[in-house]
Every structure is written in structure tokens, then in C-alpha cells.
Amino acid sequence: MRAALSIVKNILLWSYPRGSWQYDLLCILILAFILLTPSDWYHSKPAPQPIGIEQPAPSERSGVITDESNRNENETPEDEKGSAKP
């Protein structure tokens, strides 16, 4: 049990000498963690917000003719004005 605690202590305090196999193993484990983890862990993205498209109420529409029946009976369409003879 003491040997295991000693190993954990040496790992946490990074007390292995540089160039030893324990030091190399710790470096490899750190690099493997960095390179093999999904990129989502490093980039936090906000949750997408739903986009609602609202159309204005008919009373808010100004000057928009949506139906031919709304047209004045005395008005003629633009194509007929040019072809009509006076």
C-alpha cells in the first residue's frame, strides 16, 4: 500500500528525473490525452436557439395588395394601360 501511495505522490508532484522511463511514460500519457480527446471537449458552443419567423398582421401591412378583389374597379392593370387606345 505504501508503494502505491509513493507512486501516486511521485506522479502528482512530477518528481521523476528527466529522461527516466517514468518521466517519458507520463509525457506520452499527457500527449495521448491531448491528441485523442474529441475536439468538442475543448470548444464549448452555446446551444442553438430556435428561430421563429413572424409575419406582420394584415393591419400592419401598408400598401401591399394581396388579392385582386381588393383593387378598385376603375383601376386597370399596368399591362392594359399601355395597350389601351384612348
C-alpha atoms as a PDB file:
ATOM      1  CA  MET A   1       0.000   0.000   0.000  1.00  0.00           C
ATOM      2  CA  ARG A   2       2.865   2.349   0.773  1.00  0.00           C
ATOM      3  CA  ALA A   3       4.438   1.653  -2.611  1.00  0.00           C
ATOM      4  CA  ALA A   4       1.213   2.604  -4.413  1.00  0.00           C
ATOM      5  CA  LEU A   5       0.903   5.837  -2.432  1.00  0.00           C
ATOM      6  CA  SER A   6       4.533   6.614  -3.159  1.00  0.00           C
ATOM      7  CA  ILE A   7       3.973   6.144  -6.891  1.00  0.00           C
ATOM      8  CA  VAL A   8       0.865   8.362  -6.862  1.00  0.00           C
ATOM      9  CA  LYS A   9       2.766  11.013  -4.878  1.00  0.00           C
ATOM     10  CA  ASN A  10       5.669  10.943  -7.356  1.00  0.00           C
ATOM     11  CA  ILE A  11       3.276  11.253 -10.291  1.00  0.00           C
ATOM     12  CA  LEU A  12       1.311  14.157  -8.805  1.00  0.00           C
ATOM     13  CA  LEU A  13       4.426  16.033  -7.754  1.00  0.00           C
ATOM     14  CA  TRP A  14       6.254  15.136 -11.004  1.00  0.00           C
ATOM     15  CA  SER A  15       9.307  14.078  -9.082  1.00  0.00           C
ATOM     16  CA  TYR A  16      10.757  11.596 -11.585  1.00  0.00           C
ATOM     17  CA  PRO A  17      14.078  12.678 -13.112  1.00  0.00           C
ATOM     18  CA  ARG A  18      14.028  13.823 -16.715  1.00  0.00           C
ATOM     19  CA  GLY A  19      14.959  11.055 -19.135  1.00  0.00           C
ATOM     20  CA  SER A  20      13.736   8.204 -16.929  1.00  0.00           C
ATOM     21  CA  TRP A  21      11.162   5.780 -18.293  1.00  0.00           C
ATOM     22  CA  GLN A  22       8.588   7.044 -15.757  1.00  0.00           C
ATOM     23  CA  TYR A  23       9.037  10.627 -16.984  1.00  0.00           C
ATOM     24  CA  ASP A  24       8.724   9.510 -20.610  1.00  0.00           C
ATOM     25  CA  LEU A  25       5.603   7.488 -19.807  1.00  0.00           C
ATOM     26  CA  LEU A  26       3.939  10.487 -18.136  1.00  0.00           C
ATOM     27  CA  CYS A  27       4.744  12.677 -21.148  1.00  0.00           C
ATOM     28  CA  ILE A  28       3.291  10.078 -23.517  1.00  0.00           C
ATOM     29  CA  LEU A  29       0.111   9.825 -21.429  1.00  0.00           C
ATOM     30  CA  ILE A  30      -0.340  13.594 -21.442  1.00  0.00           C
ATOM     31  CA  LEU A  31       0.179  13.824 -25.210  1.00  0.00           C
ATOM     32  CA  ALA A  32      -2.186  10.905 -25.812  1.00  0.00           C
ATOM     33  CA  PHE A  33      -4.861  12.630 -23.734  1.00  0.00           C
ATOM     34  CA  ILE A  34      -4.482  15.887 -25.657  1.00  0.00           C
ATOM     35  CA  LEU A  35      -4.413  14.314 -29.115  1.00  0.00           C
ATOM     36  CA  LEU A  36      -7.036  11.604 -28.636  1.00  0.00           C
ATOM     37  CA  THR A  37      -9.782  13.548 -26.865  1.00  0.00           C
ATOM     38  CA  PRO A  38     -12.680  14.785 -29.020  1.00  0.00           C
ATOM     39  CA  SER A  39     -12.449  18.405 -30.107  1.00  0.00           C
ATOM     40  CA  ASP A  40     -15.886  19.066 -28.580  1.00  0.00           C
ATOM     41  CA  TRP A  41     -14.253  18.876 -25.153  1.00  0.00           C
ATOM     42  CA  TYR A  42     -12.066  21.881 -25.982  1.00  0.00           C
ATOM     43  CA  HIS A  43     -14.620  24.151 -27.696  1.00  0.00           C
ATOM     44  CA  SER A  44     -17.777  24.922 -25.791  1.00  0.00           C
ATOM     45  CA  LYS A  45     -20.578  26.058 -28.069  1.00  0.00           C
ATOM     46  CA  PRO A  46     -23.780  27.687 -26.916  1.00  0.00           C
ATOM     47  CA  ALA A  47     -26.957  25.739 -27.509  1.00  0.00           C
ATOM     48  CA  PRO A  48     -28.628  26.746 -30.799  1.00  0.00           C
ATOM     49  CA  GLN A  49     -31.650  28.978 -30.335  1.00  0.00           C
ATOM     50  CA  PRO A  50     -34.794  28.239 -32.352  1.00  0.00           C
ATOM     51  CA  ILE A  51     -35.548  30.863 -34.965  1.00  0.00           C
ATOM     52  CA  GLY A  52     -39.161  31.929 -35.217  1.00  0.00           C
ATOM     53  CA  ILE A  53     -40.329  33.837 -38.273  1.00  0.00           C
ATOM     54  CA  GLU A  54     -43.310  36.009 -37.567  1.00  0.00           C
ATOM     55  CA  GLN A  55     -45.314  37.674 -40.302  1.00  0.00           C
ATOM     56  CA  PRO A  56     -46.858  41.046 -39.594  1.00  0.00           C
ATOM     57  CA  ALA A  57     -50.581  41.227 -39.020  1.00  0.00           C
ATOM     58  CA  PRO A  58     -52.695  42.305 -42.049  1.00  0.00           C
ATOM     59  CA  SER A  59     -53.310  45.721 -40.436  1.00  0.00           C
ATOM     60  CA  GLU A  60     -49.548  46.327 -40.263  1.00  0.00           C
ATOM     61  CA  ARG A  61     -49.029  45.779 -43.991  1.00  0.00           C
ATOM     62  CA  SER A  62     -49.044  49.128 -45.733  1.00  0.00           C
ATOM     63  CA  GLY A  63     -49.844  49.399 -49.396  1.00  0.00           C
ATOM     64  CA  VAL A  64     -49.494  45.716 -50.161  1.00  0.00           C
ATOM     65  CA  ILE A  65     -52.160  44.294 -52.451  1.00  0.00           C
ATOM     66  CA  THR A  66     -52.538  40.626 -51.747  1.00  0.00           C
ATOM     67  CA  ASP A  67     -55.759  39.910 -53.613  1.00  0.00           C
ATOM     68  CA  GLU A  68     -57.070  41.137 -56.956  1.00  0.00           C
ATOM     69  CA  SER A  69     -60.525  41.650 -55.429  1.00  0.00           C
ATOM     70  CA  ASN A  70     -59.123  44.500 -53.288  1.00  0.00           C
ATOM     71  CA  ARG A  71     -58.365  46.537 -56.414  1.00  0.00           C
ATOM     72  CA  ASN A  72     -60.638  49.433 -57.321  1.00  0.00           C
ATOM     73  CA  GLU A  73     -62.930  48.615 -60.256  1.00  0.00           C
ATOM     74  CA  ASN A  74     -61.882  51.795 -62.099  1.00  0.00           C
ATOM     75  CA  GLU A  75     -58.217  50.812 -61.999  1.00  0.00           C
ATOM     76  CA  THR A  76     -56.765  48.844 -64.840  1.00  0.00           C
ATOM     77  CA  PRO A  77     -53.704  46.600 -64.621  1.00  0.00           C
ATOM     78  CA  GLU A  78     -50.414  48.077 -65.837  1.00  0.00           C
ATOM     79  CA  ASP A  79     -50.291  45.907 -68.997  1.00  0.00           C
ATOM     80  CA  GLU A  80     -53.701  47.037 -70.132  1.00  0.00           C
ATOM     81  CA  LYS A  81     -52.850  50.737 -69.686  1.00  0.00           C
ATOM     82  CA  GLY A  82     -50.113  50.569 -72.289  1.00  0.00           C
ATOM     83  CA  SER A  83     -52.208  48.623 -74.796  1.00  0.00           C
ATOM     84  CA  ALA A  84     -55.442  50.553 -74.278  1.00  0.00           C
ATOM     85  CA  LYS A  85     -56.236  53.080 -77.012  1.00  0.00           C
ATOM     86  CA  PRO A  86     -57.665  56.435 -75.924  1.00  0.00           C
END
